[in-house]
Amino acid sequence: MRIGFDLDGTLITCREKQVYLMDILAKVYDINLDKDFFWELKRGGANNIDSLRKMKICENIVLNLNDKWIMDIENLEWLFFDKKIDGVSLFLENLIKKGHSLHLISARNNKFNSLMQLEILNLTKFFKTIDFVSQRKNENKSFFLKKRGVHLYIGDTEYDSLSCKESNIQSILVCSGMRNKSYLANLGVLVVDNVLDLDGILYEGN
């Protein structure tokens, strides 16, 4: 089977860089960000702007914080906050041994830094193909899902599920990343706690 994987929140952690970057940016405006509440809002389906608005932050500051956050989030100093999900390397290795073909398709704008991060985390070797989908170039995952002939895609957001529906591809979502289980449960797809729970679901490949 050709299996596609998202990166952030699916194979690696994503909370620390997102929360701590926003916290540092907020301090410029003398705002003490409630980091846990900010992340709780995002996990419940909100984006940066909606989360900051719900925290009663001035609109002009909200927009400035979001713009700066987007500009900085893929810089290497913040990517170093990401860690592999415990046990993920062995999980991917076992999938390959079972005959599956693995393909990374993830939303990132800075391809160079992302490839460097994969090397640092020792993840590159597991994937037959690696595609980073740039929102700045108006790219979408559906195109790459079809291009790589993926049969199943593992992600962590509603956008992953939507891309799979557009491509007529099965999706499974993990709630270890950007969205919590209660939010993902409303999407009508299989939801598991993290990728390691898929070990008993994914059988011998073709």
N, C-alpha and C. Protein backbone atom coordinates (compact mmCIF):
# COMPACT_ATOMS: atom_id res chain seq x y z
N MET A 1 0.84 -1.20 0.00
CA MET A 1 0.00 0.00 0.00
C MET A 1 0.88 1.25 0.00
N ARG A 2 0.45 2.26 -0.73
CA ARG A 2 1.15 3.55 -0.75
C ARG A 2 0.51 4.44 0.30
N ILE A 3 1.25 4.72 1.36
CA ILE A 3 0.72 5.46 2.50
C ILE A 3 1.36 6.84 2.56
N GLY A 4 0.53 7.87 2.64
CA GLY A 4 1.02 9.23 2.77
C GLY A 4 0.96 9.69 4.22
N PHE A 5 1.92 10.51 4.60
CA PHE A 5 1.98 11.03 5.96
C PHE A 5 2.13 12.55 5.96
N ASP A 6 1.40 13.18 6.86
CA ASP A 6 1.66 14.56 7.24
C ASP A 6 2.86 14.55 8.18
N LEU A 7 3.46 15.71 8.42
CA LEU A 7 4.63 15.77 9.31
C LEU A 7 4.28 16.35 10.67
N ASP A 8 3.97 17.65 10.71
CA ASP A 8 3.74 18.34 11.98
C ASP A 8 2.51 17.81 12.71
N GLY A 9 2.71 17.37 13.94
CA GLY A 9 1.61 16.88 14.75
C GLY A 9 1.27 15.42 14.48
N THR A 10 1.81 14.88 13.39
CA THR A 10 1.54 13.49 13.03
C THR A 10 2.75 12.61 13.33
N LEU A 11 3.90 12.99 12.80
CA LEU A 11 5.14 12.26 13.04
C LEU A 11 6.05 12.97 14.04
N ILE A 12 5.88 14.28 14.15
CA ILE A 12 6.68 15.07 15.09
C ILE A 12 5.76 15.97 15.91
N THR A 13 6.28 16.44 17.03
CA THR A 13 5.50 17.34 17.88
C THR A 13 5.35 18.70 17.21
N CYS A 14 4.37 19.47 17.66
CA CYS A 14 4.18 20.79 17.06
C CYS A 14 3.80 21.86 18.08
N ARG A 15 3.49 21.47 19.30
CA ARG A 15 3.02 22.45 20.29
C ARG A 15 4.09 23.46 20.67
N GLU A 16 5.27 22.97 21.02
CA GLU A 16 6.28 23.83 21.63
C GLU A 16 6.65 25.02 20.76
N LYS A 17 6.97 24.76 19.48
CA LYS A 17 7.41 25.87 18.64
C LYS A 17 6.28 26.88 18.43
N GLN A 18 5.06 26.38 18.25
CA GLN A 18 3.94 27.29 18.00
C GLN A 18 3.63 28.16 19.21
N VAL A 19 3.61 27.54 20.37
CA VAL A 19 3.24 28.25 21.59
C VAL A 19 4.34 29.20 22.05
N TYR A 20 5.57 28.73 22.07
CA TYR A 20 6.65 29.56 22.59
C TYR A 20 7.01 30.71 21.66
N LEU A 21 6.87 30.50 20.36
CA LEU A 21 7.09 31.62 19.44
C LEU A 21 6.04 32.70 19.67
N MET A 22 4.77 32.31 19.77
CA MET A 22 3.73 33.30 20.01
C MET A 22 3.92 33.99 21.35
N ASP A 23 4.37 33.26 22.34
CA ASP A 23 4.60 33.83 23.67
C ASP A 23 5.68 34.92 23.61
N ILE A 24 6.77 34.63 22.92
CA ILE A 24 7.86 35.61 22.80
C ILE A 24 7.41 36.84 22.02
N LEU A 25 6.67 36.62 20.94
CA LEU A 25 6.17 37.75 20.16
C LEU A 25 5.21 38.61 20.97
N ALA A 26 4.38 37.97 21.78
CA ALA A 26 3.41 38.71 22.60
C ALA A 26 4.10 39.58 23.64
N LYS A 27 5.24 39.13 24.13
CA LYS A 27 5.96 39.88 25.15
C LYS A 27 6.43 41.24 24.63
N VAL A 28 6.62 41.35 23.31
CA VAL A 28 7.00 42.64 22.71
C VAL A 28 5.92 43.69 23.00
N TYR A 29 4.68 43.22 23.12
CA TYR A 29 3.54 44.12 23.40
C TYR A 29 3.15 44.08 24.88
N ASP A 30 4.06 43.57 25.72
CA ASP A 30 3.80 43.46 27.16
C ASP A 30 2.57 42.61 27.46
N ILE A 31 2.38 41.57 26.65
CA ILE A 31 1.27 40.64 26.86
C ILE A 31 1.83 39.34 27.41
N ASN A 32 1.29 38.91 28.54
CA ASN A 32 1.65 37.61 29.10
C ASN A 32 0.67 36.57 28.57
N LEU A 33 1.10 35.87 27.55
CA LEU A 33 0.22 34.91 26.88
C LEU A 33 -0.06 33.71 27.78
N ASP A 34 -1.32 33.36 27.90
CA ASP A 34 -1.69 32.12 28.58
C ASP A 34 -1.45 30.99 27.59
N LYS A 35 -0.28 30.37 27.67
CA LYS A 35 0.15 29.41 26.65
C LYS A 35 -0.77 28.19 26.58
N ASP A 36 -1.18 27.69 27.73
CA ASP A 36 -2.05 26.51 27.73
C ASP A 36 -3.40 26.82 27.12
N PHE A 37 -3.96 27.99 27.43
CA PHE A 37 -5.26 28.37 26.87
C PHE A 37 -5.16 28.61 25.37
N PHE A 38 -4.07 29.25 24.94
CA PHE A 38 -3.84 29.48 23.52
C PHE A 38 -3.82 28.16 22.76
N TRP A 39 -3.09 27.19 23.29
CA TRP A 39 -3.00 25.89 22.62
C TRP A 39 -4.32 25.13 22.69
N GLU A 40 -5.03 25.26 23.79
CA GLU A 40 -6.34 24.62 23.91
C GLU A 40 -7.31 25.15 22.85
N LEU A 41 -7.27 26.45 22.61
CA LEU A 41 -8.12 27.05 21.59
C LEU A 41 -7.76 26.53 20.20
N LYS A 42 -6.47 26.45 19.92
CA LYS A 42 -6.03 25.97 18.61
C LYS A 42 -6.40 24.49 18.43
N ARG A 43 -6.23 23.72 19.47
CA ARG A 43 -6.58 22.30 19.39
C ARG A 43 -8.08 22.11 19.18
N GLY A 44 -8.85 23.10 19.62
CA GLY A 44 -10.30 23.02 19.46
C GLY A 44 -10.80 23.53 18.13
N GLY A 45 -9.88 23.86 17.21
CA GLY A 45 -10.28 24.23 15.86
C GLY A 45 -9.98 25.65 15.44
N ALA A 46 -9.50 26.49 16.37
CA ALA A 46 -9.25 27.89 16.05
C ALA A 46 -7.86 28.07 15.42
N ASN A 47 -7.73 29.09 14.57
CA ASN A 47 -6.41 29.45 14.06
C ASN A 47 -5.79 30.50 14.99
N ASN A 48 -4.62 31.00 14.62
CA ASN A 48 -3.95 31.99 15.48
C ASN A 48 -4.83 33.21 15.73
N ILE A 49 -5.38 33.76 14.67
CA ILE A 49 -6.14 35.00 14.78
C ILE A 49 -7.37 34.80 15.67
N ASP A 50 -8.11 33.74 15.43
CA ASP A 50 -9.30 33.48 16.24
C ASP A 50 -8.94 33.24 17.70
N SER A 51 -7.84 32.52 17.92
CA SER A 51 -7.41 32.24 19.29
C SER A 51 -7.05 33.52 20.03
N LEU A 52 -6.28 34.38 19.38
CA LEU A 52 -5.86 35.63 20.01
C LEU A 52 -7.04 36.57 20.25
N ARG A 53 -7.98 36.58 19.33
CA ARG A 53 -9.19 37.39 19.53
C ARG A 53 -9.98 36.92 20.74
N LYS A 54 -10.08 35.61 20.89
CA LYS A 54 -10.82 35.06 22.03
C LYS A 54 -10.11 35.35 23.34
N MET A 55 -8.82 35.68 23.25
CA MET A 55 -8.06 36.04 24.44
C MET A 55 -8.10 37.54 24.71
N LYS A 56 -8.99 38.23 23.96
CA LYS A 56 -9.27 39.66 24.18
C LYS A 56 -8.06 40.56 23.90
N ILE A 57 -7.28 40.19 22.90
CA ILE A 57 -6.13 41.00 22.50
C ILE A 57 -6.57 41.97 21.41
N CYS A 58 -6.05 43.17 21.44
CA CYS A 58 -6.39 44.23 20.50
C CYS A 58 -6.21 43.75 19.06
N GLU A 59 -7.15 44.12 18.18
CA GLU A 59 -7.18 43.61 16.81
C GLU A 59 -5.89 43.92 16.04
N ASN A 60 -5.38 45.13 16.15
CA ASN A 60 -4.15 45.48 15.43
C ASN A 60 -2.98 44.61 15.88
N ILE A 61 -2.92 44.37 17.17
CA ILE A 61 -1.86 43.52 17.71
C ILE A 61 -2.04 42.08 17.26
N VAL A 62 -3.28 41.62 17.24
CA VAL A 62 -3.57 40.26 16.77
C VAL A 62 -3.02 40.05 15.36
N LEU A 63 -3.30 40.98 14.48
CA LEU A 63 -2.86 40.84 13.09
C LEU A 63 -1.35 40.91 12.97
N ASN A 64 -0.74 41.79 13.75
CA ASN A 64 0.72 41.90 13.74
C ASN A 64 1.39 40.64 14.27
N LEU A 65 0.84 40.11 15.35
CA LEU A 65 1.38 38.88 15.92
C LEU A 65 1.28 37.72 14.93
N ASN A 66 0.15 37.61 14.28
CA ASN A 66 -0.04 36.52 13.33
C ASN A 66 0.92 36.63 12.15
N ASP A 67 1.08 37.84 11.62
CA ASP A 67 1.98 38.04 10.48
C ASP A 67 3.42 37.69 10.85
N LYS A 68 3.86 38.13 12.01
CA LYS A 68 5.23 37.85 12.45
C LYS A 68 5.41 36.37 12.74
N TRP A 69 4.40 35.75 13.32
CA TRP A 69 4.44 34.32 13.63
C TRP A 69 4.61 33.50 12.35
N ILE A 70 3.83 33.82 11.33
CA ILE A 70 3.92 33.11 10.05
C ILE A 70 5.30 33.30 9.43
N MET A 71 5.85 34.48 9.58
CA MET A 71 7.16 34.79 9.01
C MET A 71 8.28 33.99 9.67
N ASP A 72 8.13 33.72 10.98
CA ASP A 72 9.23 33.13 11.75
C ASP A 72 9.10 31.63 12.00
N ILE A 73 7.90 31.06 11.90
CA ILE A 73 7.64 29.72 12.43
C ILE A 73 8.48 28.63 11.76
N GLU A 74 8.92 28.84 10.52
CA GLU A 74 9.71 27.81 9.85
C GLU A 74 11.20 28.11 9.85
N ASN A 75 11.61 29.09 10.65
CA ASN A 75 13.04 29.32 10.83
C ASN A 75 13.64 28.17 11.63
N LEU A 76 14.88 27.85 11.35
CA LEU A 76 15.49 26.67 11.97
C LEU A 76 15.51 26.73 13.49
N GLU A 77 15.69 27.93 14.05
CA GLU A 77 15.75 28.01 15.51
C GLU A 77 14.46 27.55 16.17
N TRP A 78 13.34 27.66 15.44
CA TRP A 78 12.07 27.19 15.99
C TRP A 78 11.80 25.74 15.61
N LEU A 79 12.29 25.31 14.46
CA LEU A 79 12.11 23.91 14.07
C LEU A 79 12.84 22.97 15.02
N PHE A 80 13.88 23.47 15.68
CA PHE A 80 14.61 22.63 16.63
C PHE A 80 13.76 22.27 17.85
N PHE A 81 12.65 22.96 18.04
CA PHE A 81 11.74 22.61 19.13
C PHE A 81 10.99 21.31 18.85
N ASP A 82 10.88 20.94 17.57
CA ASP A 82 10.14 19.74 17.19
C ASP A 82 10.91 18.48 17.56
N LYS A 83 10.19 17.51 18.07
CA LYS A 83 10.78 16.21 18.39
C LYS A 83 9.95 15.11 17.72
N LYS A 84 10.60 14.00 17.41
CA LYS A 84 9.86 12.87 16.87
C LYS A 84 8.89 12.32 17.92
N ILE A 85 7.70 11.92 17.47
CA ILE A 85 6.80 11.20 18.36
C ILE A 85 7.52 9.94 18.83
N ASP A 86 7.47 9.66 20.12
CA ASP A 86 8.16 8.49 20.66
C ASP A 86 7.79 7.23 19.90
N GLY A 87 8.80 6.51 19.43
CA GLY A 87 8.57 5.24 18.74
C GLY A 87 8.26 5.35 17.27
N VAL A 88 8.27 6.57 16.71
CA VAL A 88 7.83 6.74 15.32
C VAL A 88 8.81 6.13 14.32
N SER A 89 10.10 6.17 14.61
CA SER A 89 11.07 5.61 13.66
C SER A 89 10.88 4.10 13.50
N LEU A 90 10.70 3.41 14.61
CA LEU A 90 10.48 1.96 14.55
C LEU A 90 9.16 1.66 13.85
N PHE A 91 8.15 2.47 14.10
CA PHE A 91 6.85 2.31 13.45
C PHE A 91 6.98 2.41 11.93
N LEU A 92 7.67 3.43 11.45
CA LEU A 92 7.85 3.61 10.00
C LEU A 92 8.69 2.48 9.41
N GLU A 93 9.71 2.09 10.13
CA GLU A 93 10.57 0.99 9.68
C GLU A 93 9.78 -0.30 9.52
N ASN A 94 8.89 -0.56 10.47
CA ASN A 94 8.07 -1.78 10.41
C ASN A 94 7.09 -1.74 9.25
N LEU A 95 6.55 -0.56 8.95
CA LEU A 95 5.64 -0.44 7.80
C LEU A 95 6.36 -0.78 6.51
N ILE A 96 7.59 -0.31 6.39
CA ILE A 96 8.38 -0.61 5.18
C ILE A 96 8.66 -2.11 5.10
N LYS A 97 8.97 -2.72 6.22
CA LYS A 97 9.24 -4.16 6.25
C LYS A 97 8.00 -4.96 5.84
N LYS A 98 6.81 -4.42 6.13
CA LYS A 98 5.57 -5.08 5.76
C LYS A 98 5.23 -4.90 4.28
N GLY A 99 6.03 -4.09 3.58
CA GLY A 99 5.83 -3.92 2.15
C GLY A 99 5.15 -2.64 1.74
N HIS A 100 4.89 -1.74 2.69
CA HIS A 100 4.25 -0.48 2.37
C HIS A 100 5.26 0.52 1.79
N SER A 101 4.77 1.39 0.93
CA SER A 101 5.57 2.47 0.36
C SER A 101 5.13 3.77 1.02
N LEU A 102 6.08 4.49 1.63
CA LEU A 102 5.74 5.66 2.44
C LEU A 102 6.09 6.96 1.71
N HIS A 103 5.17 7.94 1.81
CA HIS A 103 5.32 9.20 1.09
C HIS A 103 4.95 10.35 2.02
N LEU A 104 5.87 11.29 2.17
CA LEU A 104 5.62 12.45 3.04
C LEU A 104 5.03 13.59 2.21
N ILE A 105 3.87 14.07 2.63
CA ILE A 105 3.21 15.20 1.97
C ILE A 105 2.75 16.13 3.08
N SER A 106 3.43 17.26 3.23
CA SER A 106 3.18 18.12 4.38
C SER A 106 3.18 19.59 3.98
N ALA A 107 2.38 20.39 4.66
CA ALA A 107 2.28 21.82 4.37
C ALA A 107 3.44 22.57 5.01
N ARG A 108 4.34 23.04 4.21
CA ARG A 108 5.47 23.86 4.64
C ARG A 108 5.81 24.83 3.52
N ASN A 109 6.25 26.03 3.88
CA ASN A 109 6.64 27.01 2.87
C ASN A 109 8.14 27.03 2.61
N ASN A 110 8.93 26.71 3.64
CA ASN A 110 10.38 26.74 3.50
C ASN A 110 10.89 25.32 3.27
N LYS A 111 11.04 24.95 2.01
CA LYS A 111 11.42 23.58 1.66
C LYS A 111 12.82 23.25 2.15
N PHE A 112 13.76 24.18 2.01
CA PHE A 112 15.15 23.92 2.40
C PHE A 112 15.24 23.61 3.89
N ASN A 113 14.65 24.46 4.73
CA ASN A 113 14.70 24.23 6.17
C ASN A 113 13.98 22.94 6.56
N SER A 114 12.90 22.63 5.85
CA SER A 114 12.14 21.43 6.16
C SER A 114 12.94 20.17 5.83
N LEU A 115 13.63 20.18 4.70
CA LEU A 115 14.47 19.04 4.34
C LEU A 115 15.63 18.88 5.33
N MET A 116 16.18 20.00 5.76
CA MET A 116 17.25 19.95 6.75
C MET A 116 16.74 19.37 8.07
N GLN A 117 15.53 19.76 8.45
CA GLN A 117 14.95 19.23 9.68
C GLN A 117 14.76 17.72 9.60
N LEU A 118 14.29 17.23 8.45
CA LEU A 118 14.11 15.79 8.28
C LEU A 118 15.43 15.05 8.44
N GLU A 119 16.50 15.64 7.91
CA GLU A 119 17.82 15.02 8.04
C GLU A 119 18.25 15.00 9.50
N ILE A 120 18.06 16.11 10.19
CA ILE A 120 18.45 16.20 11.61
C ILE A 120 17.68 15.18 12.45
N LEU A 121 16.40 15.00 12.13
CA LEU A 121 15.56 14.06 12.88
C LEU A 121 15.71 12.62 12.38
N ASN A 122 16.53 12.44 11.34
CA ASN A 122 16.79 11.11 10.77
C ASN A 122 15.50 10.45 10.26
N LEU A 123 14.68 11.24 9.56
CA LEU A 123 13.42 10.74 9.03
C LEU A 123 13.43 10.58 7.50
N THR A 124 14.35 11.24 6.83
CA THR A 124 14.37 11.23 5.37
C THR A 124 14.37 9.83 4.79
N LYS A 125 15.13 8.95 5.39
CA LYS A 125 15.37 7.61 4.84
C LYS A 125 14.11 6.75 4.72
N PHE A 126 13.05 7.12 5.42
CA PHE A 126 11.85 6.28 5.43
C PHE A 126 10.93 6.52 4.23
N PHE A 127 11.14 7.61 3.49
CA PHE A 127 10.16 8.01 2.49
C PHE A 127 10.66 7.86 1.06
N LYS A 128 9.80 7.26 0.22
CA LYS A 128 10.11 7.14 -1.20
C LYS A 128 10.08 8.51 -1.87
N THR A 129 9.11 9.33 -1.47
CA THR A 129 9.01 10.69 -2.00
C THR A 129 8.71 11.66 -0.86
N ILE A 130 9.15 12.90 -1.03
CA ILE A 130 8.91 13.95 -0.05
C ILE A 130 8.41 15.19 -0.78
N ASP A 131 7.23 15.64 -0.42
CA ASP A 131 6.65 16.84 -1.03
C ASP A 131 6.22 17.81 0.06
N PHE A 132 6.66 19.06 -0.08
CA PHE A 132 6.20 20.10 0.83
C PHE A 132 5.27 21.03 0.07
N VAL A 133 4.08 21.20 0.61
CA VAL A 133 3.01 21.95 -0.05
C VAL A 133 3.06 23.39 0.43
N SER A 134 3.31 24.30 -0.49
CA SER A 134 3.47 25.72 -0.15
C SER A 134 2.15 26.46 -0.31
N GLN A 135 1.64 26.99 0.80
CA GLN A 135 0.43 27.80 0.74
C GLN A 135 0.68 29.12 0.03
N ARG A 136 1.91 29.60 0.11
CA ARG A 136 2.25 30.86 -0.56
C ARG A 136 2.15 30.72 -2.08
N LYS A 137 2.34 29.50 -2.57
CA LYS A 137 2.25 29.24 -4.01
C LYS A 137 0.88 28.69 -4.40
N ASN A 138 -0.06 28.74 -3.43
CA ASN A 138 -1.42 28.24 -3.66
C ASN A 138 -1.44 26.77 -4.04
N GLU A 139 -0.49 26.01 -3.51
CA GLU A 139 -0.48 24.57 -3.75
C GLU A 139 -1.45 23.90 -2.77
N ASN A 140 -1.86 22.67 -3.10
CA ASN A 140 -2.72 21.93 -2.18
C ASN A 140 -2.31 20.47 -2.14
N LYS A 141 -2.65 19.83 -1.04
CA LYS A 141 -2.24 18.44 -0.84
C LYS A 141 -2.90 17.50 -1.84
N SER A 142 -4.10 17.84 -2.28
CA SER A 142 -4.82 16.96 -3.20
C SER A 142 -3.99 16.65 -4.44
N PHE A 143 -3.32 17.66 -4.96
CA PHE A 143 -2.50 17.48 -6.16
C PHE A 143 -1.42 16.44 -5.92
N PHE A 144 -0.73 16.53 -4.78
CA PHE A 144 0.37 15.62 -4.49
C PHE A 144 -0.12 14.23 -4.09
N LEU A 145 -1.28 14.16 -3.46
CA LEU A 145 -1.86 12.85 -3.14
C LEU A 145 -2.13 12.06 -4.41
N LYS A 146 -2.66 12.75 -5.41
CA LYS A 146 -2.93 12.10 -6.70
C LYS A 146 -1.62 11.80 -7.44
N LYS A 147 -0.70 12.75 -7.41
CA LYS A 147 0.57 12.58 -8.11
C LYS A 147 1.34 11.37 -7.61
N ARG A 148 1.30 11.13 -6.30
CA ARG A 148 2.05 10.02 -5.71
C ARG A 148 1.24 8.73 -5.65
N GLY A 149 0.00 8.78 -6.09
CA GLY A 149 -0.82 7.57 -6.10
C GLY A 149 -1.08 7.00 -4.72
N VAL A 150 -1.25 7.89 -3.74
CA VAL A 150 -1.44 7.46 -2.35
C VAL A 150 -2.80 6.79 -2.18
N HIS A 151 -2.82 5.69 -1.43
CA HIS A 151 -4.07 4.97 -1.13
C HIS A 151 -4.67 5.40 0.21
N LEU A 152 -3.80 5.80 1.13
CA LEU A 152 -4.23 6.16 2.49
C LEU A 152 -3.34 7.29 2.98
N TYR A 153 -3.96 8.28 3.62
CA TYR A 153 -3.18 9.41 4.13
C TYR A 153 -3.44 9.58 5.62
N ILE A 154 -2.35 9.79 6.37
CA ILE A 154 -2.42 9.97 7.82
C ILE A 154 -2.09 11.42 8.14
N GLY A 155 -3.02 12.13 8.76
CA GLY A 155 -2.80 13.53 9.11
C GLY A 155 -3.38 13.87 10.46
N ASP A 156 -3.50 15.18 10.74
CA ASP A 156 -3.97 15.58 12.07
C ASP A 156 -4.94 16.76 12.06
N THR A 157 -5.42 17.15 10.86
CA THR A 157 -6.34 18.29 10.81
C THR A 157 -7.50 18.03 9.85
N GLU A 158 -8.49 18.90 9.94
CA GLU A 158 -9.63 18.83 9.04
C GLU A 158 -9.22 19.07 7.59
N TYR A 159 -8.15 19.82 7.39
CA TYR A 159 -7.67 20.09 6.03
C TYR A 159 -7.10 18.83 5.39
N ASP A 160 -6.48 17.98 6.20
CA ASP A 160 -5.99 16.70 5.70
C ASP A 160 -7.16 15.83 5.24
N SER A 161 -8.20 15.80 6.05
CA SER A 161 -9.38 15.01 5.71
C SER A 161 -10.04 15.53 4.44
N LEU A 162 -10.14 16.86 4.32
CA LEU A 162 -10.76 17.47 3.14
C LEU A 162 -9.96 17.17 1.88
N SER A 163 -8.64 17.25 1.97
CA SER A 163 -7.79 16.96 0.81
C SER A 163 -7.99 15.53 0.34
N CYS A 164 -8.15 14.62 1.29
CA CYS A 164 -8.37 13.21 0.93
C CYS A 164 -9.73 13.01 0.28
N LYS A 165 -10.74 13.69 0.79
CA LYS A 165 -12.07 13.58 0.19
C LYS A 165 -12.06 14.11 -1.24
N GLU A 166 -11.34 15.21 -1.46
CA GLU A 166 -11.24 15.77 -2.81
C GLU A 166 -10.51 14.83 -3.76
N SER A 167 -9.64 13.99 -3.19
CA SER A 167 -8.84 13.07 -4.00
C SER A 167 -9.41 11.66 -4.00
N ASN A 168 -10.54 11.47 -3.29
CA ASN A 168 -11.16 10.15 -3.17
C ASN A 168 -10.19 9.14 -2.56
N ILE A 169 -9.52 9.58 -1.49
CA ILE A 169 -8.53 8.77 -0.80
C ILE A 169 -8.95 8.62 0.66
N GLN A 170 -8.73 7.45 1.22
CA GLN A 170 -9.06 7.22 2.62
C GLN A 170 -8.09 8.00 3.53
N SER A 171 -8.62 8.53 4.62
CA SER A 171 -7.77 9.24 5.58
C SER A 171 -7.99 8.70 6.98
N ILE A 172 -6.95 8.78 7.78
CA ILE A 172 -7.02 8.51 9.21
C ILE A 172 -6.36 9.70 9.90
N LEU A 173 -6.99 10.21 10.94
CA LEU A 173 -6.46 11.37 11.64
C LEU A 173 -5.98 11.01 13.04
N VAL A 174 -4.89 11.63 13.45
CA VAL A 174 -4.38 11.45 14.81
C VAL A 174 -4.69 12.70 15.62
N CYS A 175 -4.95 12.52 16.91
CA CYS A 175 -5.26 13.68 17.75
C CYS A 175 -4.08 14.04 18.64
N SER A 176 -2.88 13.70 18.18
CA SER A 176 -1.66 14.04 18.91
C SER A 176 -1.10 15.39 18.48
N GLY A 177 -1.75 16.01 17.48
CA GLY A 177 -1.19 17.23 16.91
C GLY A 177 -2.05 18.46 17.07
N MET A 178 -2.45 19.04 15.93
CA MET A 178 -3.11 20.35 15.92
C MET A 178 -4.53 20.34 16.45
N ARG A 179 -5.23 19.23 16.37
CA ARG A 179 -6.63 19.20 16.78
C ARG A 179 -6.87 18.11 17.83
N ASN A 180 -7.83 18.37 18.71
CA ASN A 180 -8.15 17.38 19.74
C ASN A 180 -9.17 16.36 19.22
N LYS A 181 -9.37 15.32 19.99
CA LYS A 181 -10.21 14.21 19.55
C LYS A 181 -11.66 14.63 19.35
N SER A 182 -12.19 15.45 20.25
CA SER A 182 -13.59 15.84 20.14
C SER A 182 -13.84 16.66 18.88
N TYR A 183 -12.87 17.47 18.49
CA TYR A 183 -13.02 18.26 17.26
C TYR A 183 -12.95 17.35 16.03
N LEU A 184 -11.97 16.46 15.99
CA LEU A 184 -11.80 15.59 14.84
C LEU A 184 -12.93 14.57 14.71
N ALA A 185 -13.54 14.21 15.83
CA ALA A 185 -14.60 13.20 15.81
C ALA A 185 -15.80 13.64 14.98
N ASN A 186 -15.95 14.94 14.79
CA ASN A 186 -17.08 15.46 14.03
C ASN A 186 -16.89 15.37 12.52
N LEU A 187 -15.71 14.91 12.08
CA LEU A 187 -15.40 14.90 10.65
C LEU A 187 -15.83 13.62 9.95
N GLY A 188 -16.22 12.62 10.73
CA GLY A 188 -16.70 11.38 10.13
C GLY A 188 -15.61 10.48 9.58
N VAL A 189 -14.39 10.60 10.13
CA VAL A 189 -13.30 9.72 9.72
C VAL A 189 -12.73 9.03 10.96
N LEU A 190 -11.94 7.99 10.73
CA LEU A 190 -11.31 7.28 11.83
C LEU A 190 -10.29 8.18 12.52
N VAL A 191 -10.38 8.27 13.85
CA VAL A 191 -9.46 9.08 14.65
C VAL A 191 -8.78 8.19 15.68
N VAL A 192 -7.45 8.30 15.76
CA VAL A 192 -6.68 7.54 16.75
C VAL A 192 -5.84 8.52 17.56
N ASP A 193 -5.32 8.05 18.69
CA ASP A 193 -4.56 8.94 19.56
C ASP A 193 -3.25 9.40 18.92
N ASN A 194 -2.50 8.47 18.34
CA ASN A 194 -1.27 8.83 17.63
C ASN A 194 -0.94 7.74 16.61
N VAL A 195 0.10 7.96 15.82
CA VAL A 195 0.39 7.04 14.71
C VAL A 195 0.71 5.63 15.19
N LEU A 196 1.23 5.49 16.39
CA LEU A 196 1.57 4.16 16.88
C LEU A 196 0.33 3.28 17.02
N ASP A 197 -0.83 3.89 17.19
CA ASP A 197 -2.07 3.13 17.30
C ASP A 197 -2.47 2.49 15.97
N LEU A 198 -1.81 2.89 14.89
CA LEU A 198 -2.13 2.35 13.57
C LEU A 198 -1.43 1.02 13.31
N ASP A 199 -0.56 0.63 14.21
CA ASP A 199 0.22 -0.59 14.01
C ASP A 199 -0.67 -1.81 13.83
N GLY A 200 -1.79 -1.83 14.54
CA GLY A 200 -2.69 -2.96 14.42
C GLY A 200 -3.72 -2.80 13.32
N ILE A 201 -3.73 -1.64 12.66
CA ILE A 201 -4.71 -1.37 11.61
C ILE A 201 -4.13 -1.59 10.22
N LEU A 202 -2.86 -1.23 10.05
CA LEU A 202 -2.21 -1.34 8.75
C LEU A 202 -1.59 -2.72 8.60
N TYR A 203 -2.11 -3.48 7.66
CA TYR A 203 -1.66 -4.85 7.47
C TYR A 203 -0.62 -4.94 6.36
N GLU A 204 -0.32 -6.14 5.94
CA GLU A 204 0.71 -6.34 4.91
C GLU A 204 0.39 -5.54 3.66
N GLY A 205 1.42 -4.88 3.11
CA GLY A 205 1.23 -4.05 1.93
C GLY A 205 1.18 -4.86 0.66
N ASN A 206 0.84 -4.15 -0.42
CA ASN A 206 0.78 -4.79 -1.74
C ASN A 206 2.14 -4.69 -2.43
